[in-house]
Amino acid sequence: MPEEQATRDWHTRAIVRVKEMTKKRSVDPYREYTFRIGEEVEMVQWGRKGRPVKRDAWWTSFDIDGALIIESAKVEVVKIIDEISPFDQEEE
C-alpha cells in the first residue's frame, strides 16, 4: 500500500519514553548519545507538503544533521505537546 502524501507541512512534538536502550549519533555537530530505558525525551516527527507521511522515527530536533533519530518502535508517546496534521482539515 503506498504511503499517503502530505497536503501541507506538518509536525508532531511530543514527550516520548524510551522502551529499548539504543546508541545514536548525529552528523554535524557529531555527537554520540545512549538513550536509556525509561528516559523521557521531547522529540518531533515532521514532513513537507507533497512528500510521503512517514512516522517511523522520532527526532530530537528539526535539524537534519544535528538531530539524534530513534525508531518509533523503540519509544512510546507519553504526551503530545503540539501537532499540525499532514492533511488539510477537509481531508481528515
Protein backbone atom coordinates (compact mmCIF):
# COMPACT_ATOMS: atom_id res chain seq x y z
CA MET A 1 0.00 0.00 0.00
CA PRO A 2 1.56 3.34 -0.98
CA GLU A 3 2.19 5.96 1.71
CA GLU A 4 -0.15 8.92 1.84
CA GLN A 5 1.20 12.25 0.59
CA ALA A 6 1.07 15.24 2.94
CA THR A 7 -1.11 18.09 1.69
CA ARG A 8 0.73 20.60 3.90
CA ASP A 9 3.88 20.90 6.02
CA TRP A 10 3.28 19.09 9.30
CA HIS A 11 4.82 18.12 12.64
CA THR A 12 4.13 16.34 15.90
CA ARG A 13 6.07 17.39 19.01
CA ALA A 14 5.77 15.00 21.96
CA ILE A 15 7.31 13.62 25.10
CA VAL A 16 8.30 10.02 24.38
CA ARG A 17 9.57 7.30 26.72
CA VAL A 18 12.39 5.03 25.58
CA LYS A 19 11.50 1.31 25.61
CA GLU A 20 14.82 -0.09 24.39
CA MET A 21 18.34 1.10 25.13
CA THR A 22 20.00 2.28 21.93
CA LYS A 23 23.07 4.31 20.96
CA LYS A 24 22.64 7.01 18.29
CA ARG A 25 24.89 9.54 16.56
CA SER A 26 24.33 12.91 14.92
CA VAL A 27 26.27 14.13 11.88
CA ASP A 28 27.06 17.85 12.41
CA PRO A 29 27.85 18.55 15.11
CA TYR A 30 28.97 14.98 15.66
CA ARG A 31 27.87 13.51 18.96
CA GLU A 32 27.03 10.11 20.39
CA TYR A 33 24.22 9.54 22.84
CA THR A 34 22.77 6.44 24.50
CA PHE A 35 19.02 6.52 25.08
CA ARG A 36 18.21 4.52 28.21
CA ILE A 37 15.07 2.53 29.04
CA GLY A 38 12.52 4.73 30.83
CA GLU A 39 14.16 8.01 29.77
CA GLU A 40 11.64 10.66 28.68
CA VAL A 41 12.66 12.98 25.85
CA GLU A 42 10.96 15.75 23.87
CA MET A 43 11.09 14.72 20.21
CA VAL A 44 9.48 15.54 16.86
CA GLN A 45 8.18 13.90 13.73
CA TRP A 46 7.78 16.13 10.71
CA GLY A 47 7.37 16.30 6.99
CA ARG A 48 6.79 18.51 3.98
CA LYS A 49 3.81 19.09 1.73
CA GLY A 50 3.79 16.69 -1.23
CA ARG A 51 6.06 14.14 0.45
CA PRO A 52 5.08 10.75 1.94
CA VAL A 53 3.86 10.90 5.56
CA LYS A 54 6.44 8.85 7.48
CA ARG A 55 6.10 8.18 11.20
CA ASP A 56 8.76 5.50 11.54
CA ALA A 57 11.21 7.66 13.54
CA TRP A 58 11.40 10.43 16.14
CA TRP A 59 13.97 13.25 16.00
CA THR A 60 15.47 15.35 18.82
CA SER A 61 15.10 18.47 16.62
CA PHE A 62 14.20 19.69 13.12
CA ASP A 63 17.94 19.99 12.33
CA ILE A 64 18.61 17.20 9.83
CA ASP A 65 22.35 16.98 10.58
CA GLY A 66 22.30 17.76 14.31
CA ALA A 67 19.37 15.63 15.41
CA LEU A 68 19.54 12.25 17.06
CA ILE A 69 17.00 9.89 15.50
CA ILE A 70 15.36 6.90 17.17
CA GLU A 71 12.98 4.38 15.62
CA SER A 72 9.31 4.74 16.59
CA ALA A 73 9.19 1.10 17.71
CA LYS A 74 11.76 1.91 20.43
CA VAL A 75 9.66 4.61 22.12
CA GLU A 76 6.13 5.17 23.36
CA VAL A 77 4.35 8.52 23.25
CA VAL A 78 3.69 9.88 26.74
CA LYS A 79 2.17 13.23 25.78
CA ILE A 80 1.57 15.18 22.56
CA ILE A 81 2.78 18.76 23.12
CA ASP A 82 1.57 20.18 19.81
CA GLU A 83 0.67 18.91 16.40
CA ILE A 84 -0.16 20.07 12.89
CA SER A 85 -1.77 17.36 10.79
CA PRO A 86 -0.16 16.41 7.47
CA PHE A 87 -3.59 16.80 5.86
CA ASP A 88 -5.81 19.81 5.31
CA GLN A 89 -8.77 19.72 7.68
CA GLU A 90 -11.34 18.95 4.98
CA GLU A 91 -9.34 15.77 4.13
CA GLU A 92 -9.24 14.37 7.67
